[in-house]
N, C-alpha and C. Protein backbone atom coordinates (compact mmCIF):
# COMPACT_ATOMS: atom_id res chain seq x y z
N MET A 1 118.33 110.92 77.81
CA MET A 1 118.39 110.08 76.37
C MET A 1 120.28 109.60 77.02
N THR A 2 120.13 108.02 76.83
CA THR A 2 121.64 107.69 77.10
C THR A 2 122.78 108.28 76.43
N ILE A 3 123.84 108.70 77.32
CA ILE A 3 125.00 109.00 77.00
C ILE A 3 125.84 108.66 75.76
N PHE A 4 125.71 107.47 75.47
CA PHE A 4 126.77 106.99 74.44
C PHE A 4 125.74 107.18 72.78
N VAL A 5 124.42 107.82 72.73
CA VAL A 5 123.77 107.67 71.69
C VAL A 5 124.33 108.38 70.77
N ASP A 6 124.63 107.76 69.16
CA ASP A 6 125.44 108.80 68.86
C ASP A 6 126.79 109.53 69.06
N ASN A 7 127.21 108.82 70.18
CA ASN A 7 128.73 109.26 70.20
C ASN A 7 129.66 108.39 70.60
N ARG A 8 129.71 107.73 69.56
CA ARG A 8 131.26 106.26 69.23
C ARG A 8 132.26 106.80 69.99
N ASP A 9 132.56 108.22 70.02
CA ASP A 9 134.05 108.42 70.28
C ASP A 9 133.80 108.11 71.36
N LEU A 10 133.12 108.65 72.50
CA LEU A 10 132.82 108.45 74.01
C LEU A 10 132.79 107.13 74.24
N LEU A 11 132.15 106.53 73.80
CA LEU A 11 131.57 104.91 73.99
C LEU A 11 132.85 103.86 73.78
N ASP A 12 133.89 104.47 72.71
CA ASP A 12 135.37 103.44 72.47
C ASP A 12 136.20 104.09 73.78
N ARG A 13 136.11 105.15 73.81
CA ARG A 13 136.87 105.70 75.08
C ARG A 13 136.43 104.95 76.22
N PHE A 14 135.31 105.19 76.74
CA PHE A 14 134.90 104.15 77.77
C PHE A 14 135.20 102.97 77.87
N ARG A 15 135.48 102.72 76.48
CA ARG A 15 135.70 100.87 76.59
C ARG A 15 137.30 100.22 77.39
N ARG A 16 137.98 101.61 76.55
CA ARG A 16 139.48 101.53 76.78
C ARG A 16 139.51 101.78 78.35
N GLY A 17 138.83 102.78 79.03
CA GLY A 17 139.12 102.83 80.47
C GLY A 17 139.22 104.13 79.90
N ASP A 18 139.40 105.17 79.23
CA ASP A 18 140.25 106.77 78.95
C ASP A 18 139.24 107.32 80.37
N ARG A 19 140.16 108.01 81.35
CA ARG A 19 139.96 108.58 82.87
C ARG A 19 138.45 110.03 82.52
N ASP A 20 138.87 110.48 81.48
CA ASP A 20 137.75 111.87 80.96
C ASP A 20 136.63 110.93 80.64
N ALA A 21 136.46 110.28 80.00
CA ALA A 21 135.23 109.37 79.51
C ALA A 21 134.67 108.54 80.93
N LEU A 22 135.25 107.91 81.44
CA LEU A 22 134.58 107.34 83.10
C LEU A 22 134.34 108.41 83.86
N THR A 23 134.66 109.49 83.59
CA THR A 23 134.82 110.93 84.79
C THR A 23 132.93 111.16 84.30
N ALA A 24 132.73 111.34 82.53
CA ALA A 24 131.67 111.57 82.24
C ALA A 24 130.72 110.81 82.05
N VAL A 25 130.97 109.51 82.40
CA VAL A 25 129.52 108.57 82.98
C VAL A 25 129.33 108.35 84.11
N TYR A 26 130.59 109.13 85.03
CA TYR A 26 130.19 108.66 86.55
C TYR A 26 129.24 110.12 86.81
N TYR A 27 129.80 110.94 86.04
CA TYR A 27 128.47 112.42 86.55
C TYR A 27 127.27 112.13 85.97
N ARG A 28 126.99 111.45 85.26
CA ARG A 28 125.87 111.42 84.20
C ARG A 28 125.15 110.81 85.09
N TYR A 29 125.59 109.85 86.01
CA TYR A 29 124.33 108.78 86.17
C TYR A 29 124.60 108.91 88.09
N VAL A 30 125.58 109.36 88.26
CA VAL A 30 126.33 109.01 89.91
C VAL A 30 124.56 109.35 90.69
N ASP A 31 124.38 110.63 90.20
CA ASP A 31 122.53 111.29 90.92
C ASP A 31 121.78 110.02 91.09
N GLU A 32 121.42 109.58 89.85
CA GLU A 32 120.47 108.30 90.11
C GLU A 32 121.01 107.35 90.78
N VAL A 33 122.42 106.67 91.16
CA VAL A 33 122.74 105.61 91.70
C VAL A 33 122.49 105.97 93.49
N ALA A 34 122.81 107.27 93.26
CA ALA A 34 122.86 107.87 94.99
C ALA A 34 121.19 107.83 95.60
N THR A 35 119.98 108.55 94.42
CA THR A 35 119.46 108.36 94.52
C THR A 35 118.32 106.98 95.07
N LEU A 36 118.49 106.17 94.08
CA LEU A 36 118.62 104.95 94.69
C LEU A 36 118.28 104.09 96.01
N ALA A 37 119.49 104.36 96.27
CA ALA A 37 120.49 104.04 97.49
C ALA A 37 119.73 104.44 98.33
N ARG A 38 119.47 105.72 98.07
CA ARG A 38 118.90 106.68 99.78
C ARG A 38 117.74 106.08 99.78
N ARG A 39 116.51 106.22 98.80
CA ARG A 39 115.51 105.81 98.28
C ARG A 39 115.02 104.31 98.74
N GLY A 40 115.24 103.34 98.61
CA GLY A 40 115.47 101.86 98.25
C GLY A 40 114.19 101.65 97.13
N PHE A 41 113.85 100.29 96.98
CA PHE A 41 113.11 100.11 95.90
C PHE A 41 112.30 98.65 96.77
N THR A 42 111.06 98.78 95.40
CA THR A 42 110.19 97.65 96.40
C THR A 42 110.43 95.86 95.08
N ILE A 43 110.76 95.19 95.88
CA ILE A 43 110.35 93.58 94.88
C ILE A 43 109.41 93.05 94.84
N GLU A 44 108.89 93.55 93.30
CA GLU A 44 107.43 93.07 93.57
C GLU A 44 107.31 91.64 93.53
N SER A 45 108.42 91.02 92.85
CA SER A 45 108.03 89.43 92.24
C SER A 45 108.27 88.84 93.76
N SER A 46 109.04 89.45 94.94
CA SER A 46 108.93 88.47 96.50
C SER A 46 107.97 88.81 97.65
N GLY A 47 106.70 89.14 96.91
CA GLY A 47 105.54 89.83 97.83
C GLY A 47 105.66 91.21 98.21
N HIS A 48 106.08 92.22 97.02
CA HIS A 48 106.48 93.40 97.47
C HIS A 48 107.19 93.59 98.41
N ALA A 49 108.38 92.82 98.80
CA ALA A 49 109.28 93.11 99.61
C ALA A 49 109.95 94.28 99.39
N TYR A 50 110.10 95.11 100.86
CA TYR A 50 110.95 96.63 100.44
C TYR A 50 112.51 96.65 100.62
N VAL A 51 113.10 97.35 100.12
CA VAL A 51 114.34 96.66 100.28
C VAL A 51 114.54 98.62 100.46
N ARG A 52 115.03 98.64 101.81
CA ARG A 52 114.88 99.79 102.18
C ARG A 52 116.46 100.59 102.15
N GLY A 53 115.93 102.01 102.04
CA GLY A 53 117.54 102.82 101.80
C GLY A 53 118.22 103.19 102.80
N LEU A 54 119.72 103.38 102.13
CA LEU A 54 120.67 103.77 103.27
C LEU A 54 120.70 104.95 103.97
N ASP A 55 121.66 104.57 104.92
CA ASP A 55 121.93 106.34 105.76
C ASP A 55 122.91 106.70 104.70
N ALA A 56 123.88 108.03 105.25
CA ALA A 56 124.45 109.06 103.97
C ALA A 56 125.68 107.74 103.65
N ASP A 57 126.43 107.30 105.06
CA ASP A 57 127.56 106.75 104.66
C ASP A 57 127.25 105.13 103.96
N GLY A 58 126.01 104.90 104.20
CA GLY A 58 125.74 103.89 103.21
C GLY A 58 125.25 103.71 101.91
N GLU A 59 125.13 104.94 101.49
CA GLU A 59 124.88 105.83 100.50
C GLU A 59 125.90 106.08 99.60
N ARG A 60 127.16 106.37 99.99
CA ARG A 60 128.20 106.86 99.68
C ARG A 60 129.02 105.46 99.07
N GLU A 61 128.97 104.34 100.15
CA GLU A 61 129.42 102.89 100.17
C GLU A 61 128.97 102.06 98.34
N LEU A 62 127.69 102.55 98.56
CA LEU A 62 126.94 101.76 97.71
C LEU A 62 127.49 102.65 96.02
N VAL A 63 127.11 103.58 96.35
CA VAL A 63 127.77 104.63 95.15
C VAL A 63 128.80 103.72 94.36
N GLN A 64 129.68 103.82 95.40
CA GLN A 64 131.09 102.98 95.38
C GLN A 64 131.45 102.17 94.44
N GLU A 65 130.67 101.17 95.44
CA GLU A 65 130.47 99.52 94.90
C GLU A 65 130.25 99.71 93.33
N THR A 66 128.93 100.06 93.12
CA THR A 66 128.26 100.24 91.83
C THR A 66 129.26 100.68 90.81
N PHE A 67 130.02 101.62 91.21
CA PHE A 67 130.69 102.30 89.70
C PHE A 67 131.87 101.40 89.55
N LEU A 68 132.22 100.87 90.73
CA LEU A 68 133.54 99.93 90.40
C LEU A 68 133.01 98.59 89.73
N LYS A 69 131.85 98.13 90.22
CA LYS A 69 131.22 97.24 89.03
C LYS A 69 131.46 97.35 87.74
N ALA A 70 130.96 98.33 87.67
CA ALA A 70 130.44 99.36 86.38
C ALA A 70 131.51 99.27 85.33
N PHE A 71 132.65 99.63 86.36
CA PHE A 71 133.77 100.34 85.36
C PHE A 71 135.18 99.30 85.32
N ALA A 72 135.03 97.77 85.95
CA ALA A 72 135.55 96.98 86.23
C ALA A 72 135.77 97.07 84.27
N ASP A 73 136.69 96.27 83.92
CA ASP A 73 137.48 95.91 82.23
C ASP A 73 136.40 95.13 81.66
N LYS A 74 136.12 93.89 82.54
CA LYS A 74 135.16 93.17 81.78
C LYS A 74 133.97 93.72 81.37
N ALA A 75 133.44 94.33 82.46
CA ALA A 75 132.22 94.88 82.20
C ALA A 75 132.26 96.23 81.14
N ARG A 76 133.11 96.63 81.06
CA ARG A 76 133.05 97.93 80.11
C ARG A 76 133.17 97.07 78.75
N GLN A 77 133.87 96.23 78.56
CA GLN A 77 134.56 95.11 77.44
C GLN A 77 132.92 94.79 76.81
N ALA A 78 132.24 94.19 77.61
CA ALA A 78 131.03 93.96 77.64
C ALA A 78 129.94 94.73 76.91
N TYR A 79 129.78 95.65 77.20
CA TYR A 79 128.64 96.56 77.23
C TYR A 79 128.98 96.64 75.90
N ASP A 80 127.62 96.81 75.05
CA ASP A 80 127.31 96.62 73.29
C ASP A 80 127.15 98.28 72.97
N GLY A 81 127.14 98.95 73.48
CA GLY A 81 126.73 100.51 73.80
C GLY A 81 125.25 100.45 72.53
N ILE A 82 124.50 99.97 72.56
CA ILE A 82 123.38 99.57 71.94
C ILE A 82 121.78 99.86 73.04
N SER A 83 122.49 98.31 74.27
CA SER A 83 121.62 98.59 75.45
C SER A 83 121.46 99.49 76.40
N PRO A 84 120.34 100.35 76.92
CA PRO A 84 120.53 101.88 77.52
C PRO A 84 121.24 101.58 78.90
N TYR A 85 121.73 102.48 79.21
CA TYR A 85 122.72 102.26 79.96
C TYR A 85 122.64 102.59 81.67
N ARG A 86 121.34 103.16 81.57
CA ARG A 86 121.04 103.46 83.04
C ARG A 86 120.39 102.33 84.02
N PRO A 87 119.15 101.77 83.28
CA PRO A 87 118.78 100.41 83.75
C PRO A 87 120.26 99.76 84.19
N TYR A 88 121.11 99.46 83.39
CA TYR A 88 121.84 98.33 83.76
C TYR A 88 122.68 98.84 84.81
N LEU A 89 123.13 99.87 85.13
CA LEU A 89 123.92 100.48 85.92
C LEU A 89 122.75 100.30 87.55
N LEU A 90 121.52 100.81 87.30
CA LEU A 90 120.83 100.96 88.20
C LEU A 90 120.51 99.24 88.65
N ARG A 91 120.24 98.37 88.08
CA ARG A 91 120.51 96.54 88.20
C ARG A 91 121.51 96.28 89.19
N ILE A 92 122.61 97.16 88.60
CA ILE A 92 124.00 96.60 89.39
C ILE A 92 123.61 97.16 91.19
N THR A 93 122.88 98.78 90.93
CA THR A 93 122.73 99.35 92.42
C THR A 93 122.00 98.24 93.33
N LYS A 94 120.89 97.86 92.53
CA LYS A 94 119.57 97.02 93.08
C LYS A 94 120.13 95.96 93.86
N ASN A 95 120.66 95.09 92.79
CA ASN A 95 121.64 93.76 92.79
C ASN A 95 122.38 93.89 94.35
N LEU A 96 123.49 94.79 94.70
CA LEU A 96 123.73 95.28 95.94
C LEU A 96 123.16 95.50 97.20
N MET A 97 122.07 95.97 96.84
CA MET A 97 121.04 96.43 97.77
C MET A 97 120.81 94.96 98.60
N ILE A 98 120.23 94.26 97.71
CA ILE A 98 119.21 93.26 97.57
C ILE A 98 120.26 91.99 98.51
N ASP A 99 121.76 91.99 98.19
CA ASP A 99 122.34 91.47 98.83
C ASP A 99 122.50 91.62 100.42
N ARG A 100 122.62 93.02 100.23
CA ARG A 100 122.51 93.42 101.81
C ARG A 100 121.17 93.43 102.35
N TYR A 101 120.49 93.17 101.86
CA TYR A 101 119.07 92.99 102.30
C TYR A 101 119.24 91.35 102.93
N ARG A 102 119.36 90.73 102.11
CA ARG A 102 119.73 89.08 102.39
C ARG A 102 120.29 89.03 103.46
N ALA A 103 121.46 89.65 103.68
CA ALA A 103 122.43 89.57 105.27
C ALA A 103 121.96 90.06 106.55
N ALA A 104 121.07 91.07 105.96
CA ALA A 104 120.74 91.92 107.37
C ALA A 104 119.45 90.78 107.78
N LYS A 105 118.76 90.31 106.79
CA LYS A 105 118.07 88.78 107.61
C LYS A 105 118.56 88.02 108.46
N HIS A 106 119.78 87.94 108.66
CA HIS A 106 120.45 86.86 109.37
C HIS A 106 121.26 87.67 110.48
N ALA A 107 121.72 88.79 110.44
CA ALA A 107 122.48 89.56 111.05
C ALA A 107 122.49 90.86 110.81
N THR A 108 123.05 91.65 112.14
CA THR A 108 123.01 93.04 111.79
C THR A 108 124.22 93.66 110.84
N VAL A 109 124.40 94.46 110.00
CA VAL A 109 124.91 94.65 109.19
C VAL A 109 125.76 96.23 109.85
N GLU A 110 127.02 96.23 110.12
CA GLU A 110 127.71 97.46 110.19
C GLU A 110 128.13 98.08 109.32
N LEU A 111 127.58 99.71 108.97
CA LEU A 111 128.90 99.91 107.44
C LEU A 111 129.44 100.79 107.99
N ASP A 112 130.33 100.80 107.61
CA ASP A 112 131.55 101.87 108.12
C ASP A 112 131.23 103.28 107.04
N GLY A 113 132.06 104.79 107.77
CA GLY A 113 131.79 105.70 107.03
C GLY A 113 132.85 105.64 106.13
N GLY A 114 133.61 104.53 105.43
CA GLY A 114 134.73 105.43 104.49
C GLY A 114 134.71 105.70 103.32
N GLY A 115 133.00 105.84 102.65
CA GLY A 115 132.80 105.48 101.09
C GLY A 115 133.60 107.03 100.69
N VAL A 116 133.65 106.61 99.03
CA VAL A 116 134.41 107.37 98.14
C VAL A 116 133.43 108.88 97.78
N GLY A 117 134.10 109.88 98.25
CA GLY A 117 133.36 111.00 97.68
C GLY A 117 133.58 111.36 96.23
N ASP A 118 134.63 111.32 95.75
CA ASP A 118 134.77 111.65 94.06
C ASP A 118 135.10 110.91 93.21
N ILE A 119 135.06 111.28 91.96
CA ILE A 119 135.32 110.33 90.82
C ILE A 119 137.36 110.00 90.99
N ASP A 120 137.74 111.05 91.47
CA ASP A 120 139.66 110.90 91.32
C ASP A 120 139.53 109.70 92.42
N GLN A 121 138.91 109.42 93.96
CA GLN A 121 139.50 108.37 94.53
C GLN A 121 138.60 107.32 94.13
N LEU A 122 137.85 107.08 92.89
CA LEU A 122 136.88 106.01 92.70
C LEU A 122 138.25 105.76 91.69
N LEU A 123 138.24 106.22 91.02
CA LEU A 123 139.12 105.88 90.13
C LEU A 123 140.34 105.15 90.53
N ALA A 124 141.41 105.69 91.58
CA ALA A 124 142.24 105.23 91.97
C ALA A 124 141.78 104.24 92.34
N THR A 125 140.89 104.07 93.46
CA THR A 125 140.59 102.72 94.02
C THR A 125 140.51 101.47 93.02
N ASN A 126 139.80 102.18 91.51
CA ASN A 126 139.76 100.90 90.70
C ASN A 126 141.24 100.33 90.14
N GLY A 127 142.41 100.95 90.25
CA GLY A 127 143.61 100.53 90.02
C GLY A 127 143.88 101.15 88.83
N GLU A 128 144.30 100.65 87.45
CA GLU A 128 145.07 100.63 86.54
C GLU A 128 143.98 100.00 85.41
N LEU A 129 143.61 100.69 84.75
CA LEU A 129 142.39 100.24 83.72
C LEU A 129 143.42 100.06 82.44
N ALA A 130 143.15 98.94 82.24
CA ALA A 130 143.14 98.01 81.09
C ALA A 130 142.95 98.67 79.89
N ALA A 131 143.58 99.05 78.86
CA ALA A 131 143.45 99.50 77.62
C ALA A 131 142.76 98.22 76.57
N GLY A 132 141.38 98.04 76.05
CA GLY A 132 140.49 97.29 75.29
C GLY A 132 141.31 97.78 73.63
N THR A 133 140.48 96.68 73.56
CA THR A 133 140.92 96.88 71.63
C THR A 133 139.47 97.38 70.96
N GLU A 134 140.17 98.47 70.17
CA GLU A 134 138.99 99.09 69.92
C GLU A 134 138.02 98.60 68.97
N PRO A 135 136.90 98.40 68.59
CA PRO A 135 136.31 97.64 67.47
C PRO A 135 136.80 98.36 66.15
N GLU A 136 136.11 97.92 65.25
CA GLU A 136 136.08 98.36 63.90
C GLU A 136 135.11 99.07 63.43
N ASP A 137 135.13 100.47 63.06
CA ASP A 137 134.11 100.99 62.51
C ASP A 137 133.36 100.66 61.87
N LEU A 138 133.61 99.58 60.65
CA LEU A 138 132.38 99.09 59.75
C LEU A 138 131.58 98.45 60.63
N HIS A 139 132.23 97.58 61.36
CA HIS A 139 131.70 96.94 62.36
C HIS A 139 130.45 97.29 63.31
N TRP A 140 130.62 98.67 63.62
CA TRP A 140 130.32 99.60 64.24
C TRP A 140 129.05 100.35 63.28
N LYS A 141 129.01 100.75 62.39
CA LYS A 141 128.31 101.35 62.03
C LYS A 141 127.11 100.05 61.33
N THR A 142 127.90 98.96 60.71
CA THR A 142 126.84 98.33 60.10
C THR A 142 125.95 97.78 61.90
N LEU A 143 126.42 97.33 62.74
CA LEU A 143 125.51 97.26 63.81
C LEU A 143 123.79 98.23 63.84
N ARG A 144 124.50 99.45 64.10
CA ARG A 144 124.01 100.37 64.61
C ARG A 144 122.68 100.83 63.18
N SER A 145 123.25 100.35 62.07
CA SER A 145 122.13 100.43 60.46
C SER A 145 121.29 98.95 60.79
N ALA A 146 121.42 97.79 61.17
CA ALA A 146 120.58 97.01 60.93
C ALA A 146 119.68 96.88 62.16
N THR A 147 120.41 97.69 63.75
CA THR A 147 119.48 98.17 64.74
C THR A 147 118.93 99.33 64.51
N ASN A 148 118.99 100.28 63.06
CA ASN A 148 117.97 101.33 63.10
C ASN A 148 116.62 100.85 62.29
N ASP A 149 117.20 99.80 61.38
CA ASP A 149 116.49 99.51 60.06
C ASP A 149 115.46 98.12 61.08
N TYR A 150 115.75 97.53 62.05
CA TYR A 150 114.96 96.76 63.00
C TYR A 150 114.05 97.56 63.74
N VAL A 151 113.86 98.87 63.85
CA VAL A 151 113.23 99.15 64.81
C VAL A 151 112.40 99.90 63.83
N ALA A 152 112.89 100.56 62.88
CA ALA A 152 111.76 100.97 61.43
C ALA A 152 110.73 100.10 61.46
N SER A 153 111.15 98.45 61.54
CA SER A 153 110.12 97.48 61.11
C SER A 153 109.26 97.18 61.39
N LEU A 154 109.30 97.70 63.40
CA LEU A 154 108.30 97.68 64.43
C LEU A 154 107.43 98.30 64.24
N ASP A 155 105.84 98.01 64.89
CA ASP A 155 104.83 98.70 64.93
C ASP A 155 104.86 99.87 65.94
N ASP A 156 103.63 100.79 65.88
CA ASP A 156 103.96 101.81 66.66
C ASP A 156 104.00 101.86 68.21
N GLU A 157 103.39 100.45 69.02
CA GLU A 157 103.53 100.87 70.25
C GLU A 157 105.06 100.21 70.45
N SER A 158 105.93 99.19 69.59
CA SER A 158 106.93 98.61 69.80
C SER A 158 108.18 99.64 69.51
N ARG A 159 107.66 100.84 68.81
CA ARG A 159 108.77 101.96 68.41
C ARG A 159 108.73 102.74 69.72
N ARG A 160 107.30 103.10 70.16
CA ARG A 160 107.40 104.10 71.19
C ARG A 160 107.83 103.07 72.29
N LEU A 161 107.66 102.17 72.76
CA LEU A 161 108.37 101.50 73.93
C LEU A 161 109.90 101.73 73.48
N VAL A 162 110.37 101.89 72.33
CA VAL A 162 111.95 101.46 72.04
C VAL A 162 112.32 103.13 72.20
N THR A 163 111.90 104.14 72.15
CA THR A 163 111.55 105.43 72.35
C THR A 163 111.98 105.52 73.88
N LEU A 164 110.77 105.13 74.41
CA LEU A 164 110.97 105.28 76.02
C LEU A 164 112.25 104.65 76.89
N ARG A 165 112.06 103.63 76.67
CA ARG A 165 112.76 102.31 77.54
C ARG A 165 114.56 102.60 77.03
N PHE A 166 114.92 102.84 75.73
CA PHE A 166 116.32 102.50 75.31
C PHE A 166 116.64 103.82 74.72
N VAL A 167 116.08 104.84 74.58
CA VAL A 167 116.52 106.10 74.28
C VAL A 167 116.49 107.35 75.29
N GLU A 168 115.36 106.90 76.02
CA GLU A 168 115.01 108.08 76.78
C GLU A 168 115.36 107.39 78.22
N GLU A 169 115.51 106.30 78.12
CA GLU A 169 116.35 105.23 79.52
C GLU A 169 115.23 105.32 80.66
N ARG A 170 113.90 105.65 80.46
CA ARG A 170 112.64 105.62 81.57
C ARG A 170 112.46 103.99 82.05
N SER A 171 112.06 103.95 83.09
CA SER A 171 112.01 102.82 83.94
C SER A 171 110.65 101.91 83.11
N GLN A 172 110.68 100.81 83.78
CA GLN A 172 109.27 99.68 83.14
C GLN A 172 108.06 101.16 83.56
N ASP A 173 108.25 101.20 84.72
CA ASP A 173 106.84 101.91 85.33
C ASP A 173 106.77 103.22 84.72
N GLU A 174 107.40 104.13 84.44
CA GLU A 174 107.13 105.10 84.20
C GLU A 174 106.94 105.11 82.33
N THR A 175 107.24 104.10 81.63
CA THR A 175 106.86 103.82 80.45
C THR A 175 105.32 103.35 80.27
N ALA A 176 105.30 102.11 81.37
CA ALA A 176 103.62 102.20 81.29
C ALA A 176 102.73 103.47 81.61
N VAL A 177 103.22 104.12 82.84
CA VAL A 177 102.19 105.27 82.84
C VAL A 177 102.28 106.32 81.50
N LEU A 178 103.04 106.17 80.51
CA LEU A 178 103.20 107.44 79.54
C LEU A 178 102.22 106.31 78.49
N MET A 179 102.49 104.45 78.15
CA MET A 179 101.93 103.95 77.39
C MET A 179 100.72 103.98 77.80
N LYS A 180 100.16 104.20 79.08
CA LYS A 180 99.05 104.25 79.51
C LYS A 180 98.47 102.91 79.94
N CYS A 181 99.57 101.95 79.71
CA CYS A 181 99.48 100.12 79.80
C CYS A 181 100.10 100.08 81.30
N SER A 182 99.56 98.46 81.63
CA SER A 182 100.22 97.73 82.69
C SER A 182 101.45 97.67 82.68
N ARG A 183 102.59 97.53 83.88
CA ARG A 183 103.77 97.38 83.73
C ARG A 183 104.30 95.64 83.30
N ARG A 184 102.73 94.60 83.40
CA ARG A 184 103.46 93.43 82.65
C ARG A 184 102.61 93.80 81.03
N ARG A 185 102.68 94.55 80.51
CA ARG A 185 102.57 94.69 79.01
C ARG A 185 103.77 95.30 78.75
N VAL A 186 104.18 96.27 79.22
CA VAL A 186 105.55 97.15 78.90
C VAL A 186 106.51 95.60 79.25
N ARG A 187 106.69 95.09 80.39
CA ARG A 187 107.62 93.90 80.11
C ARG A 187 107.73 93.03 78.62
N THR A 188 106.20 92.89 78.55
CA THR A 188 105.86 91.68 77.30
C THR A 188 106.29 92.04 76.19
N VAL A 189 105.92 93.33 75.59
CA VAL A 189 106.63 93.92 74.48
C VAL A 189 108.28 94.64 74.50
N GLU A 190 108.78 94.22 75.53
CA GLU A 190 110.29 94.88 75.82
C GLU A 190 110.92 93.21 75.42
N GLU A 191 110.49 92.26 75.91
CA GLU A 191 110.92 90.73 75.83
C GLU A 191 110.35 90.29 74.60
N ARG A 192 109.57 91.14 73.75
CA ARG A 192 109.65 90.67 72.54
C ARG A 192 110.84 91.22 71.34
N VAL A 193 110.44 92.57 71.58
CA VAL A 193 111.34 94.08 70.89
C VAL A 193 112.57 93.55 70.97
N LEU A 194 113.33 92.73 72.76
CA LEU A 194 114.87 92.46 72.21
C LEU A 194 114.63 90.77 71.78
N ALA A 195 114.08 90.11 71.64
CA ALA A 195 114.10 88.93 70.82
C ALA A 195 114.32 88.96 69.62
N GLY A 196 113.59 89.90 69.41
CA GLY A 196 113.49 89.98 67.62
C GLY A 196 114.64 90.87 67.28
N LEU A 197 115.15 91.80 68.05
CA LEU A 197 116.24 92.31 67.33
C LEU A 197 117.40 91.37 67.77
N HIS A 198 117.76 90.60 68.80
CA HIS A 198 118.64 89.21 68.80
C HIS A 198 118.89 88.58 67.66
N LYS A 199 117.78 88.21 67.05
CA LYS A 199 117.06 87.38 66.26
C LYS A 199 117.83 88.26 64.78
N ALA A 200 117.40 89.69 64.79
CA ALA A 200 117.82 89.93 63.87
C ALA A 200 119.05 89.90 63.48
N LEU A 201 120.03 90.49 64.46
CA LEU A 201 121.17 90.50 64.48
C LEU A 201 121.74 89.42 64.28
N LYS A 202 121.49 87.94 64.51
CA LYS A 202 121.87 87.16 64.72
C LYS A 202 121.92 86.29 62.97
N ILE A 203 120.42 86.84 62.33
CA ILE A 203 120.42 85.95 60.86
C ILE A 203 121.33 87.35 60.31
N ALA A 204 122.16 88.89 60.50
CA ALA A 204 123.08 89.58 59.70
C ALA A 204 124.18 88.97 59.78
N GLY A 205 124.51 88.00 60.76
CA GLY A 205 125.83 87.47 61.08
C GLY A 205 126.67 88.45 62.34
N LEU A 206 125.70 89.47 62.92
CA LEU A 206 126.64 90.49 63.81
C LEU A 206 126.39 90.05 65.19
N LYS A 207 126.04 89.07 65.81
CA LYS A 207 125.62 88.57 66.97
C LYS A 207 125.96 87.27 66.92
N ASP A 208 126.36 86.50 68.22
CA ASP A 208 126.79 85.25 68.14
C ASP A 208 125.60 84.41 68.43
């Protein structure tokens, strides 16, 4: 389950750059980020190109880069607290790995071993964390209520997808297996659900 579900206090402190909140998020997801960096992944839309995992030094370096991007002030303020955080974080990792993959096709990349080993060093590297503006409680409650109402109005298949993808934060592949359908079907239903949610929130005046 995503770390921010029903935890408004943690979300607010995370957005403000509170050290304890960032530490909690870091330790909740660091193993999954490191596993992805170590194992690599396949880019299905590019002829099944395989982006290979990194060695131990490269893995540490990539973990550092991922959380530096995710913990940047602009990124923290932009996170809405509703979208699943794990896929967002792993997407950053994948994009960084793809950048390395593309660069390696033109030149040999030498990785140094100076990765960041713990959260204290990571936060120190990130520098002074600016305090953000805390969202109003009323807006948050209204947003959560509107989202819950929308999900309740969905059909069984769509609600099942919401639970697997946005509550349990499973990948599209895992969701396809559990729903006994194709990954393409999962992607189609997910796009429809998200489009409907954005439309519902916009009509309610909660989204631009």
